[in-house]
Amino acid sequence: MSLQAFLLLAAALFSVGLFGALSQQSVVMLLMGLELMINGLLVAAAGFWLRVSPSGADGQVLVLVAITVMALEMAMGFAVVTALFRARDVDVTDDAGDLKG
């Protein structure tokens, strides 16, 4: 695969994620949009790493570690959203805006 294909896929993922994050008011949909944006960045990073060092597996390992950390972070985010919904019956970002402190 060429670098242009990687960057095109990364731009598409990032664009769809950005649209989803900016257009939705549901907290779950916002988190899904952020997940797509981060996936787009990871695809671009993997493409660049493949271009710089095609024989080494360093970039692949780094991307796998980043995906693992991202999955853990999203699991924690969904846990917070679930706890927020159970405590306050809030599922949109406007109602969750008073969470300070």
PDB file of N, CA and C in Angstrom:
ATOM      1  N   MET A   1       0.841  -1.192   0.000  1.00  0.00           N
ATOM      2  CA  MET A   1       0.000   0.000   0.000  1.00  0.00           C
ATOM      3  C   MET A   1       0.872   1.235   0.000  1.00  0.00           C
ATOM      4  N   SER A   2       0.419   2.235  -0.673  1.00  0.00           N
ATOM      5  CA  SER A   2       1.185   3.471  -0.723  1.00  0.00           C
ATOM      6  C   SER A   2       0.839   4.364   0.464  1.00  0.00           C
ATOM      7  N   LEU A   3       1.673   5.343   0.679  1.00  0.00           N
ATOM      8  CA  LEU A   3       1.448   6.290   1.763  1.00  0.00           C
ATOM      9  C   LEU A   3       0.188   7.104   1.512  1.00  0.00           C
ATOM     10  N   GLN A   4      -0.113   7.375   0.251  1.00  0.00           N
ATOM     11  CA  GLN A   4      -1.322   8.143  -0.078  1.00  0.00           C
ATOM     12  C   GLN A   4      -2.587   7.400   0.331  1.00  0.00           C
ATOM     13  N   ALA A   5      -2.599   6.084   0.185  1.00  0.00           N
ATOM     14  CA  ALA A   5      -3.768   5.297   0.589  1.00  0.00           C
ATOM     15  C   ALA A   5      -3.954   5.350   2.108  1.00  0.00           C
ATOM     16  N   PHE A   6      -2.851   5.245   2.839  1.00  0.00           N
ATOM     17  CA  PHE A   6      -2.930   5.350   4.296  1.00  0.00           C
ATOM     18  C   PHE A   6      -3.462   6.718   4.716  1.00  0.00           C
ATOM     19  N   LEU A   7      -2.934   7.760   4.092  1.00  0.00           N
ATOM     20  CA  LEU A   7      -3.347   9.112   4.469  1.00  0.00           C
ATOM     21  C   LEU A   7      -4.785   9.403   4.055  1.00  0.00           C
ATOM     22  N   LEU A   8      -5.221   8.844   2.949  1.00  0.00           N
ATOM     23  CA  LEU A   8      -6.610   9.011   2.533  1.00  0.00           C
ATOM     24  C   LEU A   8      -7.557   8.325   3.524  1.00  0.00           C
ATOM     25  N   LEU A   9      -7.216   7.116   3.933  1.00  0.00           N
ATOM     26  CA  LEU A   9      -8.018   6.414   4.933  1.00  0.00           C
ATOM     27  C   LEU A   9      -8.007   7.163   6.259  1.00  0.00           C
ATOM     28  N   ALA A  10      -6.851   7.665   6.661  1.00  0.00           N
ATOM     29  CA  ALA A  10      -6.747   8.408   7.911  1.00  0.00           C
ATOM     30  C   ALA A  10      -7.573   9.691   7.856  1.00  0.00           C
ATOM     31  N   ALA A  11      -7.534  10.382   6.740  1.00  0.00           N
ATOM     32  CA  ALA A  11      -8.322  11.615   6.601  1.00  0.00           C
ATOM     33  C   ALA A  11      -9.816  11.320   6.620  1.00  0.00           C
ATOM     34  N   ALA A  12     -10.215  10.219   5.990  1.00  0.00           N
ATOM     35  CA  ALA A  12     -11.637   9.848   5.999  1.00  0.00           C
ATOM     36  C   ALA A  12     -12.097   9.505   7.409  1.00  0.00           C
ATOM     37  N   LEU A  13     -11.308   8.710   8.134  1.00  0.00           N
ATOM     38  CA  LEU A  13     -11.667   8.363   9.506  1.00  0.00           C
ATOM     39  C   LEU A  13     -11.732   9.602  10.394  1.00  0.00           C
ATOM     40  N   PHE A  14     -10.736  10.462  10.275  1.00  0.00           N
ATOM     41  CA  PHE A  14     -10.700  11.669  11.095  1.00  0.00           C
ATOM     42  C   PHE A  14     -11.879  12.587  10.763  1.00  0.00           C
ATOM     43  N   SER A  15     -12.205  12.725   9.492  1.00  0.00           N
ATOM     44  CA  SER A  15     -13.314  13.597   9.086  1.00  0.00           C
ATOM     45  C   SER A  15     -14.655  13.085   9.589  1.00  0.00           C
ATOM     46  N   VAL A  16     -14.883  11.793   9.461  1.00  0.00           N
ATOM     47  CA  VAL A  16     -16.137  11.214   9.951  1.00  0.00           C
ATOM     48  C   VAL A  16     -16.218  11.351  11.466  1.00  0.00           C
ATOM     49  N   GLY A  17     -15.108  11.125  12.158  1.00  0.00           N
ATOM     50  CA  GLY A  17     -15.081  11.283  13.609  1.00  0.00           C
ATOM     51  C   GLY A  17     -15.308  12.719  14.037  1.00  0.00           C
ATOM     52  N   LEU A  18     -14.719  13.662  13.326  1.00  0.00           N
ATOM     53  CA  LEU A  18     -14.911  15.069  13.656  1.00  0.00           C
ATOM     54  C   LEU A  18     -16.357  15.491  13.443  1.00  0.00           C
ATOM     55  N   PHE A  19     -16.950  15.046  12.351  1.00  0.00           N
ATOM     56  CA  PHE A  19     -18.357  15.342  12.108  1.00  0.00           C
ATOM     57  C   PHE A  19     -19.235  14.734  13.199  1.00  0.00           C
ATOM     58  N   GLY A  20     -18.940  13.499  13.577  1.00  0.00           N
ATOM     59  CA  GLY A  20     -19.713  12.838  14.619  1.00  0.00           C
ATOM     60  C   GLY A  20     -19.556  13.505  15.971  1.00  0.00           C
ATOM     61  N   ALA A  21     -18.350  13.946  16.291  1.00  0.00           N
ATOM     62  CA  ALA A  21     -18.120  14.581  17.586  1.00  0.00           C
ATOM     63  C   ALA A  21     -18.757  15.965  17.660  1.00  0.00           C
ATOM     64  N   LEU A  22     -18.801  16.682  16.551  1.00  0.00           N
ATOM     65  CA  LEU A  22     -19.350  18.039  16.575  1.00  0.00           C
ATOM     66  C   LEU A  22     -20.858  18.095  16.369  1.00  0.00           C
ATOM     67  N   SER A  23     -21.424  17.071  15.755  1.00  0.00           N
ATOM     68  CA  SER A  23     -22.845  17.153  15.412  1.00  0.00           C
ATOM     69  C   SER A  23     -23.754  16.441  16.411  1.00  0.00           C
ATOM     70  N   GLN A  24     -23.219  15.591  17.242  1.00  0.00           N
ATOM     71  CA  GLN A  24     -24.057  14.809  18.148  1.00  0.00           C
ATOM     72  C   GLN A  24     -24.066  15.427  19.546  1.00  0.00           C
ATOM     73  N   GLN A  25     -25.180  15.259  20.244  1.00  0.00           N
ATOM     74  CA  GLN A  25     -25.260  15.727  21.626  1.00  0.00           C
ATOM     75  C   GLN A  25     -25.213  14.578  22.611  1.00  0.00           C
ATOM     76  N   SER A  26     -25.346  13.357  22.145  1.00  0.00           N
ATOM     77  CA  SER A  26     -25.263  12.204  23.030  1.00  0.00           C
ATOM     78  C   SER A  26     -23.804  11.995  23.436  1.00  0.00           C
ATOM     79  N   VAL A  27     -23.595  11.716  24.702  1.00  0.00           N
ATOM     80  CA  VAL A  27     -22.240  11.530  25.195  1.00  0.00           C
ATOM     81  C   VAL A  27     -21.599  10.298  24.562  1.00  0.00           C
ATOM     82  N   VAL A  28     -22.370   9.255  24.373  1.00  0.00           N
ATOM     83  CA  VAL A  28     -21.848   8.031  23.767  1.00  0.00           C
ATOM     84  C   VAL A  28     -21.415   8.298  22.322  1.00  0.00           C
ATOM     85  N   MET A  29     -22.227   9.023  21.566  1.00  0.00           N
ATOM     86  CA  MET A  29     -21.862   9.339  20.181  1.00  0.00           C
ATOM     87  C   MET A  29     -20.640  10.263  20.130  1.00  0.00           C
ATOM     88  N   LEU A  30     -20.504  11.157  21.097  1.00  0.00           N
ATOM     89  CA  LEU A  30     -19.330  12.009  21.180  1.00  0.00           C
ATOM     90  C   LEU A  30     -18.080  11.170  21.393  1.00  0.00           C
ATOM     91  N   LEU A  31     -18.152  10.194  22.297  1.00  0.00           N
ATOM     92  CA  LEU A  31     -17.012   9.321  22.530  1.00  0.00           C
ATOM     93  C   LEU A  31     -16.689   8.475  21.295  1.00  0.00           C
ATOM     94  N   MET A  32     -17.711   8.045  20.577  1.00  0.00           N
ATOM     95  CA  MET A  32     -17.463   7.280  19.352  1.00  0.00           C
ATOM     96  C   MET A  32     -16.783   8.140  18.291  1.00  0.00           C
ATOM     97  N   GLY A  33     -17.180   9.403  18.193  1.00  0.00           N
ATOM     98  CA  GLY A  33     -16.520  10.307  17.256  1.00  0.00           C
ATOM     99  C   GLY A  33     -15.063  10.525  17.622  1.00  0.00           C
ATOM    100  N   LEU A  34     -14.785  10.686  18.912  1.00  0.00           N
ATOM    101  CA  LEU A  34     -13.401  10.843  19.355  1.00  0.00           C
ATOM    102  C   LEU A  34     -12.582   9.589  19.074  1.00  0.00           C
ATOM    103  N   GLU A  35     -13.201   8.431  19.241  1.00  0.00           N
ATOM    104  CA  GLU A  35     -12.528   7.165  18.935  1.00  0.00           C
ATOM    105  C   GLU A  35     -12.143   7.098  17.455  1.00  0.00           C
ATOM    106  N   LEU A  36     -13.043   7.500  16.579  1.00  0.00           N
ATOM    107  CA  LEU A  36     -12.735   7.492  15.146  1.00  0.00           C
ATOM    108  C   LEU A  36     -11.616   8.482  14.812  1.00  0.00           C
ATOM    109  N   MET A  37     -11.612   9.628  15.463  1.00  0.00           N
ATOM    110  CA  MET A  37     -10.551  10.603  15.205  1.00  0.00           C
ATOM    111  C   MET A  37      -9.192  10.052  15.632  1.00  0.00           C
ATOM    112  N   ILE A  38      -9.140   9.403  16.785  1.00  0.00           N
ATOM    113  CA  ILE A  38      -7.876   8.831  17.250  1.00  0.00           C
ATOM    114  C   ILE A  38      -7.441   7.691  16.332  1.00  0.00           C
ATOM    115  N   ASN A  39      -8.399   6.901  15.846  1.00  0.00           N
ATOM    116  CA  ASN A  39      -8.057   5.831  14.901  1.00  0.00           C
ATOM    117  C   ASN A  39      -7.469   6.404  13.615  1.00  0.00           C
ATOM    118  N   GLY A  40      -8.004   7.528  13.153  1.00  0.00           N
ATOM    119  CA  GLY A  40      -7.439   8.173  11.975  1.00  0.00           C
ATOM    120  C   GLY A  40      -5.998   8.607  12.194  1.00  0.00           C
ATOM    121  N   LEU A  41      -5.724   9.155  13.374  1.00  0.00           N
ATOM    122  CA  LEU A  41      -4.347   9.554  13.684  1.00  0.00           C
ATOM    123  C   LEU A  41      -3.421   8.346  13.754  1.00  0.00           C
ATOM    124  N   LEU A  42      -3.912   7.244  14.297  1.00  0.00           N
ATOM    125  CA  LEU A  42      -3.080   6.044  14.384  1.00  0.00           C
ATOM    126  C   LEU A  42      -2.795   5.449  13.005  1.00  0.00           C
ATOM    127  N   VAL A  43      -3.771   5.491  12.120  1.00  0.00           N
ATOM    128  CA  VAL A  43      -3.547   4.993  10.754  1.00  0.00           C
ATOM    129  C   VAL A  43      -2.505   5.859  10.045  1.00  0.00           C
ATOM    130  N   ALA A  44      -2.586   7.171  10.231  1.00  0.00           N
ATOM    131  CA  ALA A  44      -1.590   8.063   9.625  1.00  0.00           C
ATOM    132  C   ALA A  44      -0.200   7.800  10.204  1.00  0.00           C
ATOM    133  N   ALA A  45      -0.124   7.611  11.526  1.00  0.00           N
ATOM    134  CA  ALA A  45       1.173   7.326  12.150  1.00  0.00           C
ATOM    135  C   ALA A  45       1.741   6.005  11.656  1.00  0.00           C
ATOM    136  N   ALA A  46       0.899   4.995  11.509  1.00  0.00           N
ATOM    137  CA  ALA A  46       1.374   3.702  11.009  1.00  0.00           C
ATOM    138  C   ALA A  46       1.852   3.823   9.561  1.00  0.00           C
ATOM    139  N   GLY A  47       1.143   4.607   8.763  1.00  0.00           N
ATOM    140  CA  GLY A  47       1.556   4.815   7.378  1.00  0.00           C
ATOM    141  C   GLY A  47       2.900   5.514   7.281  1.00  0.00           C
ATOM    142  N   PHE A  48       3.087   6.545   8.092  1.00  0.00           N
ATOM    143  CA  PHE A  48       4.370   7.244   8.081  1.00  0.00           C
ATOM    144  C   PHE A  48       5.489   6.349   8.583  1.00  0.00           C
ATOM    145  N   TRP A  49       5.196   5.566   9.615  1.00  0.00           N
ATOM    146  CA  TRP A  49       6.228   4.681  10.142  1.00  0.00           C
ATOM    147  C   TRP A  49       6.607   3.616   9.121  1.00  0.00           C
ATOM    148  N   LEU A  50       5.630   3.116   8.396  1.00  0.00           N
ATOM    149  CA  LEU A  50       5.915   2.141   7.350  1.00  0.00           C
ATOM    150  C   LEU A  50       6.777   2.763   6.259  1.00  0.00           C
ATOM    151  N   ARG A  51       6.550   4.038   5.975  1.00  0.00           N
ATOM    152  CA  ARG A  51       7.334   4.738   4.951  1.00  0.00           C
ATOM    153  C   ARG A  51       8.771   4.973   5.407  1.00  0.00           C
ATOM    154  N   VAL A  52       8.938   5.295   6.696  1.00  0.00           N
ATOM    155  CA  VAL A  52      10.273   5.604   7.221  1.00  0.00           C
ATOM    156  C   VAL A  52      11.091   4.335   7.442  1.00  0.00           C
ATOM    157  N   SER A  53      10.480   3.332   8.061  1.00  0.00           N
ATOM    158  CA  SER A  53      11.206   2.112   8.402  1.00  0.00           C
ATOM    159  C   SER A  53      10.375   0.888   8.030  1.00  0.00           C
ATOM    160  N   PRO A  54      10.388   0.469   6.762  1.00  0.00           N
ATOM    161  CA  PRO A  54       9.530  -0.648   6.345  1.00  0.00           C
ATOM    162  C   PRO A  54       9.972  -2.010   6.878  1.00  0.00           C
ATOM    163  N   SER A  55      11.230  -2.155   7.245  1.00  0.00           N
ATOM    164  CA  SER A  55      11.704  -3.473   7.678  1.00  0.00           C
ATOM    165  C   SER A  55      11.537  -3.697   9.173  1.00  0.00           C
ATOM    166  N   GLY A  56      11.448  -2.619   9.959  1.00  0.00           N
ATOM    167  CA  GLY A  56      11.351  -2.767  11.406  1.00  0.00           C
ATOM    168  C   GLY A  56       9.913  -2.878  11.876  1.00  0.00           C
ATOM    169  N   ALA A  57       9.747  -3.546  13.003  1.00  0.00           N
ATOM    170  CA  ALA A  57       8.419  -3.723  13.576  1.00  0.00           C
ATOM    171  C   ALA A  57       8.160  -2.739  14.719  1.00  0.00           C
ATOM    172  N   ASP A  58       9.029  -1.741  14.869  1.00  0.00           N
ATOM    173  CA  ASP A  58       8.876  -0.790  15.970  1.00  0.00           C
ATOM    174  C   ASP A  58       7.576  -0.015  15.863  1.00  0.00           C
ATOM    175  N   GLY A  59       7.245   0.440  14.689  1.00  0.00           N
ATOM    176  CA  GLY A  59       6.023   1.219  14.493  1.00  0.00           C
ATOM    177  C   GLY A  59       4.774   0.399  14.739  1.00  0.00           C
ATOM    178  N   GLN A  60       4.789  -0.856  14.330  1.00  0.00           N
ATOM    179  CA  GLN A  60       3.637  -1.725  14.548  1.00  0.00           C
ATOM    180  C   GLN A  60       3.412  -1.961  16.039  1.00  0.00           C
ATOM    181  N   VAL A  61       4.486  -2.156  16.769  1.00  0.00           N
ATOM    182  CA  VAL A  61       4.370  -2.365  18.212  1.00  0.00           C
ATOM    183  C   VAL A  61       3.855  -1.098  18.882  1.00  0.00           C
ATOM    184  N   LEU A  62       4.355   0.053  18.459  1.00  0.00           N
ATOM    185  CA  LEU A  62       3.899   1.310  19.034  1.00  0.00           C
ATOM    186  C   LEU A  62       2.414   1.544  18.753  1.00  0.00           C
ATOM    187  N   VAL A  63       1.968   1.227  17.551  1.00  0.00           N
ATOM    188  CA  VAL A  63       0.547   1.392  17.214  1.00  0.00           C
ATOM    189  C   VAL A  63      -0.311   0.422  18.018  1.00  0.00           C
ATOM    190  N   LEU A  64       0.134  -0.808  18.212  1.00  0.00           N
ATOM    191  CA  LEU A  64      -0.617  -1.760  19.023  1.00  0.00           C
ATOM    192  C   LEU A  64      -0.718  -1.311  20.478  1.00  0.00           C
ATOM    193  N   VAL A  65       0.354  -0.760  21.017  1.00  0.00           N
ATOM    194  CA  VAL A  65       0.313  -0.236  22.383  1.00  0.00           C
ATOM    195  C   VAL A  65      -0.645   0.953  22.457  1.00  0.00           C
ATOM    196  N   ALA A  66      -0.604   1.817  21.464  1.00  0.00           N
ATOM    197  CA  ALA A  66      -1.509   2.975  21.452  1.00  0.00           C
ATOM    198  C   ALA A  66      -2.964   2.537  21.345  1.00  0.00           C
ATOM    199  N   ILE A  67      -3.249   1.523  20.538  1.00  0.00           N
ATOM    200  CA  ILE A  67      -4.618   1.021  20.413  1.00  0.00           C
ATOM    201  C   ILE A  67      -5.077   0.407  21.730  1.00  0.00           C
ATOM    202  N   THR A  68      -4.194  -0.300  22.412  1.00  0.00           N
ATOM    203  CA  THR A  68      -4.541  -0.890  23.701  1.00  0.00           C
ATOM    204  C   THR A  68      -4.850   0.191  24.733  1.00  0.00           C
ATOM    205  N   VAL A  69      -4.016   1.208  24.795  1.00  0.00           N
ATOM    206  CA  VAL A  69      -4.251   2.311  25.728  1.00  0.00           C
ATOM    207  C   VAL A  69      -5.542   3.040  25.361  1.00  0.00           C
ATOM    208  N   MET A  70      -5.796   3.213  24.081  1.00  0.00           N
ATOM    209  CA  MET A  70      -7.011   3.882  23.634  1.00  0.00           C
ATOM    210  C   MET A  70      -8.250   3.069  24.011  1.00  0.00           C
ATOM    211  N   ALA A  71      -8.176   1.755  23.891  1.00  0.00           N
ATOM    212  CA  ALA A  71      -9.313   0.914  24.269  1.00  0.00           C
ATOM    213  C   ALA A  71      -9.580   0.996  25.768  1.00  0.00           C
ATOM    214  N   LEU A  72      -8.534   1.013  26.568  1.00  0.00           N
ATOM    215  CA  LEU A  72      -8.716   1.163  28.011  1.00  0.00           C
ATOM    216  C   LEU A  72      -9.299   2.526  28.360  1.00  0.00           C
ATOM    217  N   GLU A  73      -8.836   3.550  27.677  1.00  0.00           N
ATOM    218  CA  GLU A  73      -9.347   4.898  27.938  1.00  0.00           C
ATOM    219  C   GLU A  73     -10.817   5.007  27.558  1.00  0.00           C
ATOM    220  N   MET A  74     -11.203   4.417  26.450  1.00  0.00           N
ATOM    221  CA  MET A  74     -12.613   4.457  26.049  1.00  0.00           C
ATOM    222  C   MET A  74     -13.481   3.627  26.989  1.00  0.00           C
ATOM    223  N   ALA A  75     -12.964   2.521  27.502  1.00  0.00           N
ATOM    224  CA  ALA A  75     -13.721   1.724  28.467  1.00  0.00           C
ATOM    225  C   ALA A  75     -13.969   2.535  29.742  1.00  0.00           C
ATOM    226  N   MET A  76     -12.971   3.273  30.175  1.00  0.00           N
ATOM    227  CA  MET A  76     -13.147   4.129  31.359  1.00  0.00           C
ATOM    228  C   MET A  76     -14.136   5.253  31.062  1.00  0.00           C
ATOM    229  N   GLY A  77     -14.081   5.794  29.863  1.00  0.00           N
ATOM    230  CA  GLY A  77     -15.031   6.844  29.485  1.00  0.00           C
ATOM    231  C   GLY A  77     -16.460   6.334  29.467  1.00  0.00           C
ATOM    232  N   PHE A  78     -16.668   5.148  28.921  1.00  0.00           N
ATOM    233  CA  PHE A  78     -18.015   4.576  28.922  1.00  0.00           C
ATOM    234  C   PHE A  78     -18.472   4.232  30.331  1.00  0.00           C
ATOM    235  N   ALA A  79     -17.557   3.847  31.207  1.00  0.00           N
ATOM    236  CA  ALA A  79     -17.924   3.589  32.600  1.00  0.00           C
ATOM    237  C   ALA A  79     -18.382   4.872  33.289  1.00  0.00           C
ATOM    238  N   VAL A  80     -17.702   5.970  33.018  1.00  0.00           N
ATOM    239  CA  VAL A  80     -18.103   7.257  33.594  1.00  0.00           C
ATOM    240  C   VAL A  80     -19.460   7.681  33.040  1.00  0.00           C
ATOM    241  N   VAL A  81     -19.678   7.488  31.748  1.00  0.00           N
ATOM    242  CA  VAL A  81     -20.970   7.842  31.144  1.00  0.00           C
ATOM    243  C   VAL A  81     -22.088   6.990  31.733  1.00  0.00           C
ATOM    244  N   THR A  82     -21.824   5.711  31.934  1.00  0.00           N
ATOM    245  CA  THR A  82     -22.835   4.834  32.530  1.00  0.00           C
ATOM    246  C   THR A  82     -23.150   5.252  33.958  1.00  0.00           C
ATOM    247  N   ALA A  83     -22.120   5.581  34.728  1.00  0.00           N
ATOM    248  CA  ALA A  83     -22.345   6.036  36.100  1.00  0.00           C
ATOM    249  C   ALA A  83     -23.100   7.362  36.112  1.00  0.00           C
ATOM    250  N   LEU A  84     -22.787   8.248  35.204  1.00  0.00           N
ATOM    251  CA  LEU A  84     -23.488   9.529  35.100  1.00  0.00           C
ATOM    252  C   LEU A  84     -24.954   9.316  34.738  1.00  0.00           C
ATOM    253  N   PHE A  85     -25.210   8.399  33.835  1.00  0.00           N
ATOM    254  CA  PHE A  85     -26.590   8.128  33.437  1.00  0.00           C
ATOM    255  C   PHE A  85     -27.380   7.511  34.587  1.00  0.00           C
ATOM    256  N   ARG A  86     -26.757   6.602  35.311  1.00  0.00           N
ATOM    257  CA  ARG A  86     -27.466   5.972  36.425  1.00  0.00           C
ATOM    258  C   ARG A  86     -27.709   6.941  37.567  1.00  0.00           C
ATOM    259  N   ALA A  87     -26.777   7.843  37.818  1.00  0.00           N
ATOM    260  CA  ALA A  87     -26.921   8.762  38.946  1.00  0.00           C
ATOM    261  C   ALA A  87     -27.872   9.919  38.649  1.00  0.00           C
ATOM    262  N   ARG A  88     -27.802  10.470  37.452  1.00  0.00           N
ATOM    263  CA  ARG A  88     -28.563  11.686  37.142  1.00  0.00           C
ATOM    264  C   ARG A  88     -29.539  11.539  35.989  1.00  0.00           C
ATOM    265  N   ASP A  89     -29.584  10.382  35.354  1.00  0.00           N
ATOM    266  CA  ASP A  89     -30.429  10.153  34.183  1.00  0.00           C
ATOM    267  C   ASP A  89     -30.124  11.174  33.083  1.00  0.00           C
ATOM    268  N   VAL A  90     -28.831  11.387  32.852  1.00  0.00           N
ATOM    269  CA  VAL A  90     -28.339  12.356  31.875  1.00  0.00           C
ATOM    270  C   VAL A  90     -27.664  11.592  30.749  1.00  0.00           C
ATOM    271  N   ASP A  91     -28.051  11.876  29.509  1.00  0.00           N
ATOM    272  CA  ASP A  91     -27.397  11.223  28.383  1.00  0.00           C
ATOM    273  C   ASP A  91     -26.998  12.194  27.275  1.00  0.00           C
ATOM    274  N   VAL A  92     -27.159  13.489  27.488  1.00  0.00           N
ATOM    275  CA  VAL A  92     -26.730  14.478  26.501  1.00  0.00           C
ATOM    276  C   VAL A  92     -25.698  15.398  27.138  1.00  0.00           C
ATOM    277  N   THR A  93     -24.862  15.997  26.312  1.00  0.00           N
ATOM    278  CA  THR A  93     -23.752  16.790  26.817  1.00  0.00           C
ATOM    279  C   THR A  93     -24.195  18.088  27.482  1.00  0.00           C
ATOM    280  N   ASP A  94     -25.312  18.659  27.071  1.00  0.00           N
ATOM    281  CA  ASP A  94     -25.769  19.915  27.661  1.00  0.00           C
ATOM    282  C   ASP A  94     -26.153  19.725  29.127  1.00  0.00           C
ATOM    283  N   ASP A  95     -26.766  18.598  29.455  1.00  0.00           N
ATOM    284  CA  ASP A  95     -27.162  18.337  30.821  1.00  0.00           C
ATOM    285  C   ASP A  95     -26.000  17.932  31.707  1.00  0.00           C
ATOM    286  N   ALA A  96     -24.940  17.430  31.104  1.00  0.00           N
ATOM    287  CA  ALA A  96     -23.775  16.997  31.878  1.00  0.00           C
ATOM    288  C   ALA A  96     -22.759  18.118  32.044  1.00  0.00           C
ATOM    289  N   GLY A  97     -23.076  19.316  31.624  1.00  0.00           N
ATOM    290  CA  GLY A  97     -22.137  20.433  31.677  1.00  0.00           C
ATOM    291  C   GLY A  97     -21.909  20.997  33.056  1.00  0.00           C
ATOM    292  N   ASP A  98     -22.740  20.662  34.034  1.00  0.00           N
ATOM    293  CA  ASP A  98     -22.583  21.228  35.375  1.00  0.00           C
ATOM    294  C   ASP A  98     -21.682  20.365  36.260  1.00  0.00           C
ATOM    295  N   LEU A  99     -20.951  19.447  35.691  1.00  0.00           N
ATOM    296  CA  LEU A  99     -20.063  18.592  36.458  1.00  0.00           C
ATOM    297  C   LEU A  99     -18.738  19.316  36.668  1.00  0.00           C
ATOM    298  N   LYS A 100     -18.621  20.038  37.737  1.00  0.00           N
ATOM    299  CA  LYS A 100     -17.395  20.755  38.045  1.00  0.00           C
ATOM    300  C   LYS A 100     -16.830  20.218  39.343  1.00  0.00           C
ATOM    301  N   GLY A 101     -15.496  20.257  39.422  1.00  0.00           N
ATOM    302  CA  GLY A 101     -14.865  19.853  40.675  1.00  0.00           C
ATOM    303  C   GLY A 101     -14.433  18.511  40.661  1.00  0.00           C
TER     304      GLY A 101
END
